[in-house]
Amino acid sequence: MPPNLWCEVLHKSIPSTLKSNGLELDNSIGSGEIEYLQIQDGLWCNLIDVELLKPLELIREPKAINDYFILNFHLSKSTIKQTGDGKQFNLGIGNINILLASSATSARIQIPPNAPIKIFNIGFTKTWLEDNIMSSASNPIKELFPENIPIFLSEFLDFRLKKLFTGTNNSTENKLLLTSKVFQLLEYFFSRLQNRTKGDTKIEGVHSDDLAKLILTKENIENNVENIVSVENLAKLAGMSLSKYKRLFKQVFGTTPYRYYLEVKLNLAMELLLTKKHSCSEVGHIIGYSNLSQFSKAFKKQFNILPKDVR
């Protein structure tokens, strides 16, 4: 649904004031606003920054075909619960924080009260996708976008994506900067999708219980970056066979457990180096490297720069 029509539908559902490029919440329901920017025919972005006084439930009815897509980046600690097509997601910066859904998916979205909600989303039509992303007949991404099957694809915010959101102003007043950000986000998201294979990408078969266990192991990785990850132990924590765990982890998060572990470690290293409070060897030790040359080699492979050059 185009952003102007979506704002009109939302305006009829909640107390708000329509603006030329979005809407502002009335004090009776909360505070904040939703803004949108139309970038091209079939491509737009929405900036959602609100806090509600009461819980709000939004329902999206599925369409018969996938004629448009919404790519959500959940940027706040508050958790939004979304259910639909037999799946349940806890959406937020600490859970599933990037989720792409198609128009053929149903959704029941529960927004909590008294909690800041920040979402940056990008919407695009099937026509725009075909013209700009899938124009090549051999593009493997085509396998991920069937005509009429509900689509859920998730990713996670890594250092590069976090920097895009924290380093620039998201206001629609700076159209050039915001347009640049949208194309950078799309380029990065679709490049990550290209790393997936057809058999590993269909998230619609993941049971909500399995999804919760996968998120638990993901948090375990994030909280133990100084230790060498054991995929076997993670599989046991999830209560799955090793093969099932590895398959579902890549299906949900778009990478292998071990690769995710390396990315988390090195993203933390980048953040620590940028504070300028630690030496390169100290940072390497913090994230579990006893050998500085091994740390430097892994860091350069991830970021194409040596740790000493960050400082």
C-alpha atoms as a PDB file:
ATOM      1  CA  MET A   1       0.000   0.000   0.000  1.00  0.00           C
ATOM      2  CA  PRO A   2       1.461   3.415  -0.914  1.00  0.00           C
ATOM      3  CA  PRO A   3       2.530   5.417   2.162  1.00  0.00           C
ATOM      4  CA  ASN A   4      -0.046   8.184   1.726  1.00  0.00           C
ATOM      5  CA  LEU A   5      -2.908   5.670   1.624  1.00  0.00           C
ATOM      6  CA  TRP A   6      -1.440   3.774   4.590  1.00  0.00           C
ATOM      7  CA  CYS A   7      -1.346   6.991   6.624  1.00  0.00           C
ATOM      8  CA  GLU A   8      -4.956   7.723   5.671  1.00  0.00           C
ATOM      9  CA  VAL A   9      -6.051   4.238   6.794  1.00  0.00           C
ATOM     10  CA  LEU A  10      -4.108   4.618  10.038  1.00  0.00           C
ATOM     11  CA  HIS A  11      -5.587   8.088  10.573  1.00  0.00           C
ATOM     12  CA  LYS A  12      -9.098   6.598  10.449  1.00  0.00           C
ATOM     13  CA  SER A  13      -8.120   4.006  13.070  1.00  0.00           C
ATOM     14  CA  ILE A  14      -6.345   6.158  15.672  1.00  0.00           C
ATOM     15  CA  PRO A  15      -6.706   9.763  16.879  1.00  0.00           C
ATOM     16  CA  SER A  16      -4.235  11.721  14.791  1.00  0.00           C
ATOM     17  CA  THR A  17      -3.710  14.681  12.499  1.00  0.00           C
ATOM     18  CA  LEU A  18      -2.844  14.122   8.845  1.00  0.00           C
ATOM     19  CA  LYS A  19       0.105  16.044   7.447  1.00  0.00           C
ATOM     20  CA  SER A  20       1.375  16.450   3.902  1.00  0.00           C
ATOM     21  CA  ASN A  21       3.906  13.653   4.419  1.00  0.00           C
ATOM     22  CA  GLY A  22       2.506  11.602   7.303  1.00  0.00           C
ATOM     23  CA  LEU A  23       0.544  12.005  10.506  1.00  0.00           C
ATOM     24  CA  GLU A  24       0.978  13.179  14.088  1.00  0.00           C
ATOM     25  CA  LEU A  25      -0.581  11.381  17.062  1.00  0.00           C
ATOM     26  CA  ASP A  26      -3.136  13.174  19.213  1.00  0.00           C
ATOM     27  CA  ASN A  27      -2.286  13.587  22.881  1.00  0.00           C
ATOM     28  CA  SER A  28      -5.194  11.313  23.771  1.00  0.00           C
ATOM     29  CA  ILE A  29      -3.363   8.278  22.370  1.00  0.00           C
ATOM     30  CA  GLY A  30       0.271   9.228  22.863  1.00  0.00           C
ATOM     31  CA  SER A  31       3.017  11.278  21.257  1.00  0.00           C
ATOM     32  CA  GLY A  32       5.156  11.193  18.158  1.00  0.00           C
ATOM     33  CA  GLU A  33       4.660  11.074  14.433  1.00  0.00           C
ATOM     34  CA  ILE A  34       4.984   9.029  11.276  1.00  0.00           C
ATOM     35  CA  GLU A  35       6.661  10.566   8.242  1.00  0.00           C
ATOM     36  CA  TYR A  36       7.158   9.177   4.771  1.00  0.00           C
ATOM     37  CA  LEU A  37       9.247  10.030   1.738  1.00  0.00           C
ATOM     38  CA  GLN A  38       8.363   8.906  -1.784  1.00  0.00           C
ATOM     39  CA  ILE A  39      11.717   8.220  -3.425  1.00  0.00           C
ATOM     40  CA  GLN A  40      10.774   6.710  -6.793  1.00  0.00           C
ATOM     41  CA  ASP A  41       7.716   5.205  -8.395  1.00  0.00           C
ATOM     42  CA  GLY A  42       7.218   2.076  -6.343  1.00  0.00           C
ATOM     43  CA  LEU A  43       9.812   2.930  -3.664  1.00  0.00           C
ATOM     44  CA  TRP A  44       9.311   4.831  -0.410  1.00  0.00           C
ATOM     45  CA  CYS A  45      10.349   4.913   3.235  1.00  0.00           C
ATOM     46  CA  ASN A  46       8.510   5.515   6.516  1.00  0.00           C
ATOM     47  CA  LEU A  47       9.928   6.907   9.749  1.00  0.00           C
ATOM     48  CA  ILE A  48       7.939   5.846  12.806  1.00  0.00           C
ATOM     49  CA  ASP A  49       8.818   7.462  16.141  1.00  0.00           C
ATOM     50  CA  VAL A  50       5.975   7.176  18.656  1.00  0.00           C
ATOM     51  CA  GLU A  51       5.099   6.344  22.264  1.00  0.00           C
ATOM     52  CA  LEU A  52       1.559   5.219  23.061  1.00  0.00           C
ATOM     53  CA  LEU A  53      -0.486   5.652  26.228  1.00  0.00           C
ATOM     54  CA  LYS A  54      -2.471   2.472  25.578  1.00  0.00           C
ATOM     55  CA  PRO A  55      -1.655  -0.768  23.758  1.00  0.00           C
ATOM     56  CA  LEU A  56      -2.505  -0.779  20.073  1.00  0.00           C
ATOM     57  CA  GLU A  57      -3.211  -3.727  17.804  1.00  0.00           C
ATOM     58  CA  LEU A  58      -2.902  -3.435  14.040  1.00  0.00           C
ATOM     59  CA  ILE A  59      -4.160  -6.108  11.663  1.00  0.00           C
ATOM     60  CA  ARG A  60      -2.926  -6.575   8.105  1.00  0.00           C
ATOM     61  CA  GLU A  61      -5.149  -8.646   5.852  1.00  0.00           C
ATOM     62  CA  PRO A  62      -3.268 -10.788   3.306  1.00  0.00           C
ATOM     63  CA  LYS A  63      -3.609 -10.210  -0.414  1.00  0.00           C
ATOM     64  CA  ALA A  64      -3.790 -12.960  -3.016  1.00  0.00           C
ATOM     65  CA  ILE A  65      -0.461 -11.962  -4.592  1.00  0.00           C
ATOM     66  CA  ASN A  66       2.820 -10.398  -3.540  1.00  0.00           C
ATOM     67  CA  ASP A  67       2.571  -7.025  -5.222  1.00  0.00           C
ATOM     68  CA  TYR A  68       4.421  -5.037  -2.560  1.00  0.00           C
ATOM     69  CA  PHE A  69       6.907  -5.591   0.278  1.00  0.00           C
ATOM     70  CA  ILE A  70       7.784  -3.890   3.567  1.00  0.00           C
ATOM     71  CA  LEU A  71      11.295  -4.065   4.999  1.00  0.00           C
ATOM     72  CA  ASN A  72      11.241  -3.078   8.699  1.00  0.00           C
ATOM     73  CA  PHE A  73      14.271  -2.039  10.750  1.00  0.00           C
ATOM     74  CA  HIS A  74      13.326  -2.152  14.456  1.00  0.00           C
ATOM     75  CA  LEU A  75      15.552   0.327  16.264  1.00  0.00           C
ATOM     76  CA  SER A  76      14.154   0.521  19.821  1.00  0.00           C
ATOM     77  CA  LYS A  77      14.524  -1.761  22.830  1.00  0.00           C
ATOM     78  CA  SER A  78      10.745  -2.028  23.127  1.00  0.00           C
ATOM     79  CA  THR A  79       9.351  -5.342  21.903  1.00  0.00           C
ATOM     80  CA  ILE A  80       6.577  -5.489  19.305  1.00  0.00           C
ATOM     81  CA  LYS A  81       4.808  -8.818  19.017  1.00  0.00           C
ATOM     82  CA  GLN A  82       3.790  -9.841  15.508  1.00  0.00           C
ATOM     83  CA  THR A  83       1.899 -12.993  14.596  1.00  0.00           C
ATOM     84  CA  GLY A  84       0.709 -14.199  11.242  1.00  0.00           C
ATOM     85  CA  ASP A  85       0.615 -17.223   8.962  1.00  0.00           C
ATOM     86  CA  GLY A  86       1.365 -19.495  11.917  1.00  0.00           C
ATOM     87  CA  LYS A  87       4.480 -17.615  13.020  1.00  0.00           C
ATOM     88  CA  GLN A  88       5.256 -15.337  15.937  1.00  0.00           C
ATOM     89  CA  PHE A  89       8.002 -12.750  16.062  1.00  0.00           C
ATOM     90  CA  ASN A  90       9.293 -10.597  18.914  1.00  0.00           C
ATOM     91  CA  LEU A  91      10.539  -7.541  17.070  1.00  0.00           C
ATOM     92  CA  GLY A  92      13.039  -5.111  18.546  1.00  0.00           C
ATOM     93  CA  ILE A  93      16.709  -4.236  18.619  1.00  0.00           C
ATOM     94  CA  GLY A  94      17.422  -7.206  20.914  1.00  0.00           C
ATOM     95  CA  ASN A  95      15.339  -9.751  19.010  1.00  0.00           C
ATOM     96  CA  ILE A  96      14.454 -10.010  15.325  1.00  0.00           C
ATOM     97  CA  ASN A  97      15.403  -6.496  14.238  1.00  0.00           C
ATOM     98  CA  ILE A  98      15.105  -6.684  10.450  1.00  0.00           C
ATOM     99  CA  LEU A  99      12.048  -8.312   8.923  1.00  0.00           C
ATOM    100  CA  LEU A 100      10.826  -8.287   5.349  1.00  0.00           C
ATOM    101  CA  ALA A 101       7.179  -9.237   4.807  1.00  0.00           C
ATOM    102  CA  SER A 102       5.146  -9.494   1.631  1.00  0.00           C
ATOM    103  CA  SER A 103       1.586  -8.386   0.914  1.00  0.00           C
ATOM    104  CA  ALA A 104       0.456 -12.026   0.882  1.00  0.00           C
ATOM    105  CA  THR A 105       1.254 -12.337   4.598  1.00  0.00           C
ATOM    106  CA  SER A 106      -1.301 -11.749   7.310  1.00  0.00           C
ATOM    107  CA  ALA A 107      -0.181  -9.959  10.440  1.00  0.00           C
ATOM    108  CA  ARG A 108      -1.472  -9.074  13.886  1.00  0.00           C
ATOM    109  CA  ILE A 109       0.871  -6.482  15.367  1.00  0.00           C
ATOM    110  CA  GLN A 110       0.747  -5.617  19.068  1.00  0.00           C
ATOM    111  CA  ILE A 111       2.403  -2.331  20.037  1.00  0.00           C
ATOM    112  CA  PRO A 112       3.005  -1.893  23.787  1.00  0.00           C
ATOM    113  CA  PRO A 113       2.164   1.274  25.767  1.00  0.00           C
ATOM    114  CA  ASN A 114       4.599   3.573  27.559  1.00  0.00           C
ATOM    115  CA  ALA A 115       7.526   2.381  25.480  1.00  0.00           C
ATOM    116  CA  PRO A 116       9.408   4.305  22.762  1.00  0.00           C
ATOM    117  CA  ILE A 117       8.855   2.728  19.349  1.00  0.00           C
ATOM    118  CA  LYS A 118      11.284   3.543  16.550  1.00  0.00           C
ATOM    119  CA  ILE A 119      10.943   1.824  13.201  1.00  0.00           C
ATOM    120  CA  PHE A 120      12.502   2.712   9.876  1.00  0.00           C
ATOM    121  CA  ASN A 121      10.866   0.858   7.021  1.00  0.00           C
ATOM    122  CA  ILE A 122      11.298   0.729   3.290  1.00  0.00           C
ATOM    123  CA  GLY A 123       8.402  -0.172   1.031  1.00  0.00           C
ATOM    124  CA  PHE A 124       8.644  -1.240  -2.596  1.00  0.00           C
ATOM    125  CA  THR A 125       6.403  -2.793  -5.206  1.00  0.00           C
ATOM    126  CA  LYS A 126       6.965  -6.031  -7.067  1.00  0.00           C
ATOM    127  CA  THR A 127       7.431  -4.000 -10.261  1.00  0.00           C
ATOM    128  CA  TRP A 128      10.170  -1.881  -8.668  1.00  0.00           C
ATOM    129  CA  LEU A 129      11.853  -5.040  -7.346  1.00  0.00           C
ATOM    130  CA  GLU A 130      11.842  -6.677 -10.771  1.00  0.00           C
ATOM    131  CA  ASP A 131      13.095  -3.566 -12.559  1.00  0.00           C
ATOM    132  CA  ASN A 132      15.862  -2.660 -10.127  1.00  0.00           C
ATOM    133  CA  ILE A 133      16.946  -5.790  -8.243  1.00  0.00           C
ATOM    134  CA  MET A 134      15.867  -8.813 -10.273  1.00  0.00           C
ATOM    135  CA  SER A 135      16.428  -7.521 -13.810  1.00  0.00           C
ATOM    136  CA  SER A 136      19.001 -10.244 -14.482  1.00  0.00           C
ATOM    137  CA  ALA A 137      17.465 -13.592 -15.485  1.00  0.00           C
ATOM    138  CA  SER A 138      20.104 -15.435 -13.448  1.00  0.00           C
ATOM    139  CA  ASN A 139      19.660 -13.435 -10.229  1.00  0.00           C
ATOM    140  CA  PRO A 140      19.252 -16.006  -7.406  1.00  0.00           C
ATOM    141  CA  ILE A 141      17.119 -13.573  -5.380  1.00  0.00           C
ATOM    142  CA  LYS A 142      14.198 -14.425  -7.668  1.00  0.00           C
ATOM    143  CA  GLU A 143      13.888 -17.732  -5.850  1.00  0.00           C
ATOM    144  CA  LEU A 144      13.067 -15.870  -2.629  1.00  0.00           C
ATOM    145  CA  PHE A 145      10.112 -13.948  -4.032  1.00  0.00           C
ATOM    146  CA  PRO A 146       7.385 -16.306  -5.295  1.00  0.00           C
ATOM    147  CA  GLU A 147       4.226 -14.780  -6.719  1.00  0.00           C
ATOM    148  CA  ASN A 148       1.646 -15.745  -4.114  1.00  0.00           C
ATOM    149  CA  ILE A 149       3.361 -17.446  -1.154  1.00  0.00           C
ATOM    150  CA  PRO A 150       3.594 -15.457   2.117  1.00  0.00           C
ATOM    151  CA  ILE A 151       7.164 -14.285   2.593  1.00  0.00           C
ATOM    152  CA  PHE A 152       9.046 -13.587   5.818  1.00  0.00           C
ATOM    153  CA  LEU A 153      12.799 -12.976   5.596  1.00  0.00           C
ATOM    154  CA  SER A 154      14.851 -11.767   8.537  1.00  0.00           C
ATOM    155  CA  GLU A 155      18.328 -10.379   9.033  1.00  0.00           C
ATOM    156  CA  PHE A 156      20.179  -8.699  11.886  1.00  0.00           C
ATOM    157  CA  LEU A 157      21.701  -5.279  12.394  1.00  0.00           C
ATOM    158  CA  ASP A 158      25.467  -5.506  12.194  1.00  0.00           C
ATOM    159  CA  PHE A 159      28.010  -2.745  12.682  1.00  0.00           C
ATOM    160  CA  ARG A 160      27.598  -1.277   9.205  1.00  0.00           C
ATOM    161  CA  LEU A 161      23.821  -1.043   9.466  1.00  0.00           C
ATOM    162  CA  LYS A 162      23.918   0.346  13.006  1.00  0.00           C
ATOM    163  CA  LYS A 163      26.296   3.044  11.801  1.00  0.00           C
ATOM    164  CA  LEU A 164      23.882   4.034   9.041  1.00  0.00           C
ATOM    165  CA  PHE A 165      21.168   4.644  11.615  1.00  0.00           C
ATOM    166  CA  THR A 166      23.197   6.249  14.385  1.00  0.00           C
ATOM    167  CA  GLY A 167      25.516   8.378  12.309  1.00  0.00           C
ATOM    168  CA  THR A 168      22.962  10.390  10.319  1.00  0.00           C
ATOM    169  CA  ASN A 169      19.702  12.261  10.753  1.00  0.00           C
ATOM    170  CA  ASN A 170      16.634  10.275   9.724  1.00  0.00           C
ATOM    171  CA  SER A 171      14.454  13.334   9.093  1.00  0.00           C
ATOM    172  CA  THR A 172      12.593  13.567   5.783  1.00  0.00           C
ATOM    173  CA  GLU A 173      13.702  17.200   5.589  1.00  0.00           C
ATOM    174  CA  ASN A 174      17.065  16.023   4.270  1.00  0.00           C
ATOM    175  CA  LYS A 175      15.760  14.129   1.247  1.00  0.00           C
ATOM    176  CA  LEU A 176      19.148  13.576  -0.380  1.00  0.00           C
ATOM    177  CA  LEU A 177      20.683  12.044   2.741  1.00  0.00           C
ATOM    178  CA  LEU A 178      17.629   9.901   3.430  1.00  0.00           C
ATOM    179  CA  THR A 179      17.488   8.670  -0.169  1.00  0.00           C
ATOM    180  CA  SER A 180      21.170   7.715   0.005  1.00  0.00           C
ATOM    181  CA  LYS A 181      20.513   5.803   3.240  1.00  0.00           C
ATOM    182  CA  VAL A 182      17.613   3.876   1.697  1.00  0.00           C
ATOM    183  CA  PHE A 183      19.722   2.714  -1.241  1.00  0.00           C
ATOM    184  CA  GLN A 184      22.616   1.728   1.043  1.00  0.00           C
ATOM    185  CA  LEU A 185      20.248  -0.298   3.219  1.00  0.00           C
ATOM    186  CA  LEU A 186      18.695  -2.001   0.212  1.00  0.00           C
ATOM    187  CA  GLU A 187      22.080  -2.794  -1.318  1.00  0.00           C
ATOM    188  CA  TYR A 188      23.323  -4.326   1.912  1.00  0.00           C
ATOM    189  CA  PHE A 189      20.122  -6.262   2.630  1.00  0.00           C
ATOM    190  CA  PHE A 190      19.925  -7.796  -0.831  1.00  0.00           C
ATOM    191  CA  SER A 191      23.634  -8.592  -0.897  1.00  0.00           C
ATOM    192  CA  ARG A 192      23.103 -10.597   2.294  1.00  0.00           C
ATOM    193  CA  LEU A 193      20.128 -12.371   0.732  1.00  0.00           C
ATOM    194  CA  GLN A 194      22.280 -13.407  -2.205  1.00  0.00           C
ATOM    195  CA  ASN A 195      24.426 -15.412   0.205  1.00  0.00           C
ATOM    196  CA  ARG A 196      21.486 -17.662   0.993  1.00  0.00           C
ATOM    197  CA  THR A 197      20.578 -20.744  -1.004  1.00  0.00           C
ATOM    198  CA  LYS A 198      17.072 -21.739  -2.001  1.00  0.00           C
ATOM    199  CA  GLY A 199      16.846 -24.554   0.520  1.00  0.00           C
ATOM    200  CA  ASP A 200      17.970 -22.346   3.409  1.00  0.00           C
ATOM    201  CA  THR A 201      15.783 -19.329   2.938  1.00  0.00           C
ATOM    202  CA  LYS A 202      12.165 -20.259   3.440  1.00  0.00           C
ATOM    203  CA  ILE A 203      11.352 -19.055   6.892  1.00  0.00           C
ATOM    204  CA  GLU A 204       7.654 -19.923   6.733  1.00  0.00           C
ATOM    205  CA  GLY A 205       8.279 -23.431   8.069  1.00  0.00           C
ATOM    206  CA  VAL A 206       9.971 -22.307  11.312  1.00  0.00           C
ATOM    207  CA  HIS A 207       7.807 -23.054  14.352  1.00  0.00           C
ATOM    208  CA  SER A 208       7.490 -20.232  16.895  1.00  0.00           C
ATOM    209  CA  ASP A 209       9.023 -22.463  19.609  1.00  0.00           C
ATOM    210  CA  ASP A 210      12.042 -23.154  17.408  1.00  0.00           C
ATOM    211  CA  LEU A 211      12.336 -19.459  16.620  1.00  0.00           C
ATOM    212  CA  ALA A 212      12.413 -18.607  20.335  1.00  0.00           C
ATOM    213  CA  LYS A 213      15.163 -21.200  20.896  1.00  0.00           C
ATOM    214  CA  LEU A 214      17.187 -19.823  17.995  1.00  0.00           C
ATOM    215  CA  ILE A 215      16.962 -16.314  19.439  1.00  0.00           C
ATOM    216  CA  LEU A 216      18.080 -17.698  22.822  1.00  0.00           C
ATOM    217  CA  THR A 217      21.209 -19.192  21.250  1.00  0.00           C
ATOM    218  CA  LYS A 218      21.830 -15.983  19.313  1.00  0.00           C
ATOM    219  CA  GLU A 219      21.788 -14.074  22.606  1.00  0.00           C
ATOM    220  CA  ASN A 220      24.123 -16.694  24.070  1.00  0.00           C
ATOM    221  CA  ILE A 221      26.596 -15.969  21.278  1.00  0.00           C
ATOM    222  CA  GLU A 222      26.331 -12.208  21.823  1.00  0.00           C
ATOM    223  CA  ASN A 223      26.912 -12.527  25.583  1.00  0.00           C
ATOM    224  CA  ASN A 224      29.963 -14.791  25.289  1.00  0.00           C
ATOM    225  CA  VAL A 225      32.089 -13.250  22.555  1.00  0.00           C
ATOM    226  CA  GLU A 226      35.306 -13.823  24.500  1.00  0.00           C
ATOM    227  CA  ASN A 227      34.814 -17.609  24.362  1.00  0.00           C
ATOM    228  CA  ILE A 228      35.199 -19.891  21.363  1.00  0.00           C
ATOM    229  CA  VAL A 229      31.732 -20.782  20.176  1.00  0.00           C
ATOM    230  CA  SER A 230      30.708 -24.436  20.147  1.00  0.00           C
ATOM    231  CA  VAL A 231      27.984 -24.993  17.583  1.00  0.00           C
ATOM    232  CA  GLU A 232      27.360 -28.417  19.124  1.00  0.00           C
ATOM    233  CA  ASN A 233      26.648 -26.827  22.519  1.00  0.00           C
ATOM    234  CA  LEU A 234      24.389 -24.227  20.912  1.00  0.00           C
ATOM    235  CA  ALA A 235      22.415 -27.007  19.232  1.00  0.00           C
ATOM    236  CA  LYS A 236      22.030 -28.731  22.620  1.00  0.00           C
ATOM    237  CA  LEU A 237      20.877 -25.445  24.170  1.00  0.00           C
ATOM    238  CA  ALA A 238      18.241 -25.208  21.441  1.00  0.00           C
ATOM    239  CA  GLY A 239      17.236 -28.840  21.938  1.00  0.00           C
ATOM    240  CA  MET A 240      17.876 -29.626  18.262  1.00  0.00           C
ATOM    241  CA  SER A 241      20.054 -31.958  16.284  1.00  0.00           C
ATOM    242  CA  LEU A 242      23.190 -30.309  14.937  1.00  0.00           C
ATOM    243  CA  SER A 243      21.996 -30.466  11.324  1.00  0.00           C
ATOM    244  CA  LYS A 244      18.564 -28.997  12.153  1.00  0.00           C
ATOM    245  CA  TYR A 245      20.062 -26.242  14.271  1.00  0.00           C
ATOM    246  CA  LYS A 246      22.560 -25.151  11.615  1.00  0.00           C
ATOM    247  CA  ARG A 247      19.882 -25.242   8.909  1.00  0.00           C
ATOM    248  CA  LEU A 248      17.321 -23.232  10.891  1.00  0.00           C
ATOM    249  CA  PHE A 249      19.874 -20.732  12.184  1.00  0.00           C
ATOM    250  CA  LYS A 250      20.948 -19.858   8.670  1.00  0.00           C
ATOM    251  CA  GLN A 251      17.336 -19.852   7.527  1.00  0.00           C
ATOM    252  CA  VAL A 252      16.346 -17.282  10.156  1.00  0.00           C
ATOM    253  CA  PHE A 253      19.476 -15.150  10.500  1.00  0.00           C
ATOM    254  CA  GLY A 254      20.951 -15.514   7.022  1.00  0.00           C
ATOM    255  CA  THR A 255      24.330 -16.828   8.137  1.00  0.00           C
ATOM    256  CA  THR A 256      25.872 -19.776   9.951  1.00  0.00           C
ATOM    257  CA  PRO A 257      26.171 -19.793  13.772  1.00  0.00           C
ATOM    258  CA  TYR A 258      29.962 -19.632  13.604  1.00  0.00           C
ATOM    259  CA  ARG A 259      29.972 -16.825  11.056  1.00  0.00           C
ATOM    260  CA  TYR A 260      27.507 -14.880  13.183  1.00  0.00           C
ATOM    261  CA  TYR A 261      29.791 -15.390  16.186  1.00  0.00           C
ATOM    262  CA  LEU A 262      32.737 -13.963  14.219  1.00  0.00           C
ATOM    263  CA  GLU A 263      30.704 -10.973  13.035  1.00  0.00           C
ATOM    264  CA  VAL A 264      29.519 -10.190  16.564  1.00  0.00           C
ATOM    265  CA  LYS A 265      33.098 -10.366  17.887  1.00  0.00           C
ATOM    266  CA  LEU A 266      34.523  -8.163  15.169  1.00  0.00           C
ATOM    267  CA  ASN A 267      31.669  -5.657  15.289  1.00  0.00           C
ATOM    268  CA  LEU A 268      32.339  -5.300  19.022  1.00  0.00           C
ATOM    269  CA  ALA A 269      36.015  -4.824  18.264  1.00  0.00           C
ATOM    270  CA  MET A 270      35.207  -2.004  15.855  1.00  0.00           C
ATOM    271  CA  GLU A 271      33.012  -0.300  18.431  1.00  0.00           C
ATOM    272  CA  LEU A 272      35.719  -0.579  21.085  1.00  0.00           C
ATOM    273  CA  LEU A 273      38.414   0.772  18.764  1.00  0.00           C
ATOM    274  CA  LEU A 274      36.267   3.764  17.853  1.00  0.00           C
ATOM    275  CA  THR A 275      36.028   4.749  21.540  1.00  0.00           C
ATOM    276  CA  LYS A 276      39.842   5.176  21.485  1.00  0.00           C
ATOM    277  CA  LYS A 277      39.964   3.856  25.071  1.00  0.00           C
ATOM    278  CA  HIS A 278      41.812   0.614  24.292  1.00  0.00           C
ATOM    279  CA  SER A 279      44.889  -0.424  22.357  1.00  0.00           C
ATOM    280  CA  CYS A 280      44.577  -2.886  19.474  1.00  0.00           C
ATOM    281  CA  SER A 281      46.027  -5.700  21.581  1.00  0.00           C
ATOM    282  CA  GLU A 282      43.621  -4.906  24.443  1.00  0.00           C
ATOM    283  CA  VAL A 283      40.643  -5.024  22.092  1.00  0.00           C
ATOM    284  CA  GLY A 284      41.857  -8.311  20.623  1.00  0.00           C
ATOM    285  CA  HIS A 285      42.170  -9.757  24.132  1.00  0.00           C
ATOM    286  CA  ILE A 286      38.689  -8.512  25.132  1.00  0.00           C
ATOM    287  CA  ILE A 287      37.057 -10.366  22.267  1.00  0.00           C
ATOM    288  CA  GLY A 288      39.046 -13.551  22.826  1.00  0.00           C
ATOM    289  CA  TYR A 289      42.152 -13.295  20.618  1.00  0.00           C
ATOM    290  CA  SER A 290      45.460 -14.100  22.326  1.00  0.00           C
ATOM    291  CA  ASN A 291      47.384 -13.548  19.092  1.00  0.00           C
ATOM    292  CA  LEU A 292      47.368  -9.980  17.734  1.00  0.00           C
ATOM    293  CA  SER A 293      48.249 -11.042  14.184  1.00  0.00           C
ATOM    294  CA  GLN A 294      45.279 -13.431  14.078  1.00  0.00           C
ATOM    295  CA  PHE A 295      43.012 -10.650  15.339  1.00  0.00           C
ATOM    296  CA  SER A 296      44.348  -8.225  12.729  1.00  0.00           C
ATOM    297  CA  LYS A 297      43.899 -10.781   9.941  1.00  0.00           C
ATOM    298  CA  ALA A 298      40.292 -11.542  10.914  1.00  0.00           C
ATOM    299  CA  PHE A 299      39.498  -7.850  11.385  1.00  0.00           C
ATOM    300  CA  LYS A 300      40.840  -6.888   7.973  1.00  0.00           C
ATOM    301  CA  LYS A 301      38.907  -9.717   6.320  1.00  0.00           C
ATOM    302  CA  GLN A 302      35.710  -8.367   7.892  1.00  0.00           C
ATOM    303  CA  PHE A 303      36.202  -4.618   7.393  1.00  0.00           C
ATOM    304  CA  ASN A 304      38.990  -4.377   4.784  1.00  0.00           C
ATOM    305  CA  ILE A 305      41.025  -2.291   7.212  1.00  0.00           C
ATOM    306  CA  LEU A 306      43.561  -3.117   9.936  1.00  0.00           C
ATOM    307  CA  PRO A 307      42.687  -2.432  13.594  1.00  0.00           C
ATOM    308  CA  LYS A 308      45.569   0.051  13.938  1.00  0.00           C
ATOM    309  CA  ASP A 309      44.195   2.095  11.028  1.00  0.00           C
ATOM    310  CA  VAL A 310      40.860   2.560  12.819  1.00  0.00           C
ATOM    311  CA  ARG A 311      42.668   4.361  15.597  1.00  0.00           C
END
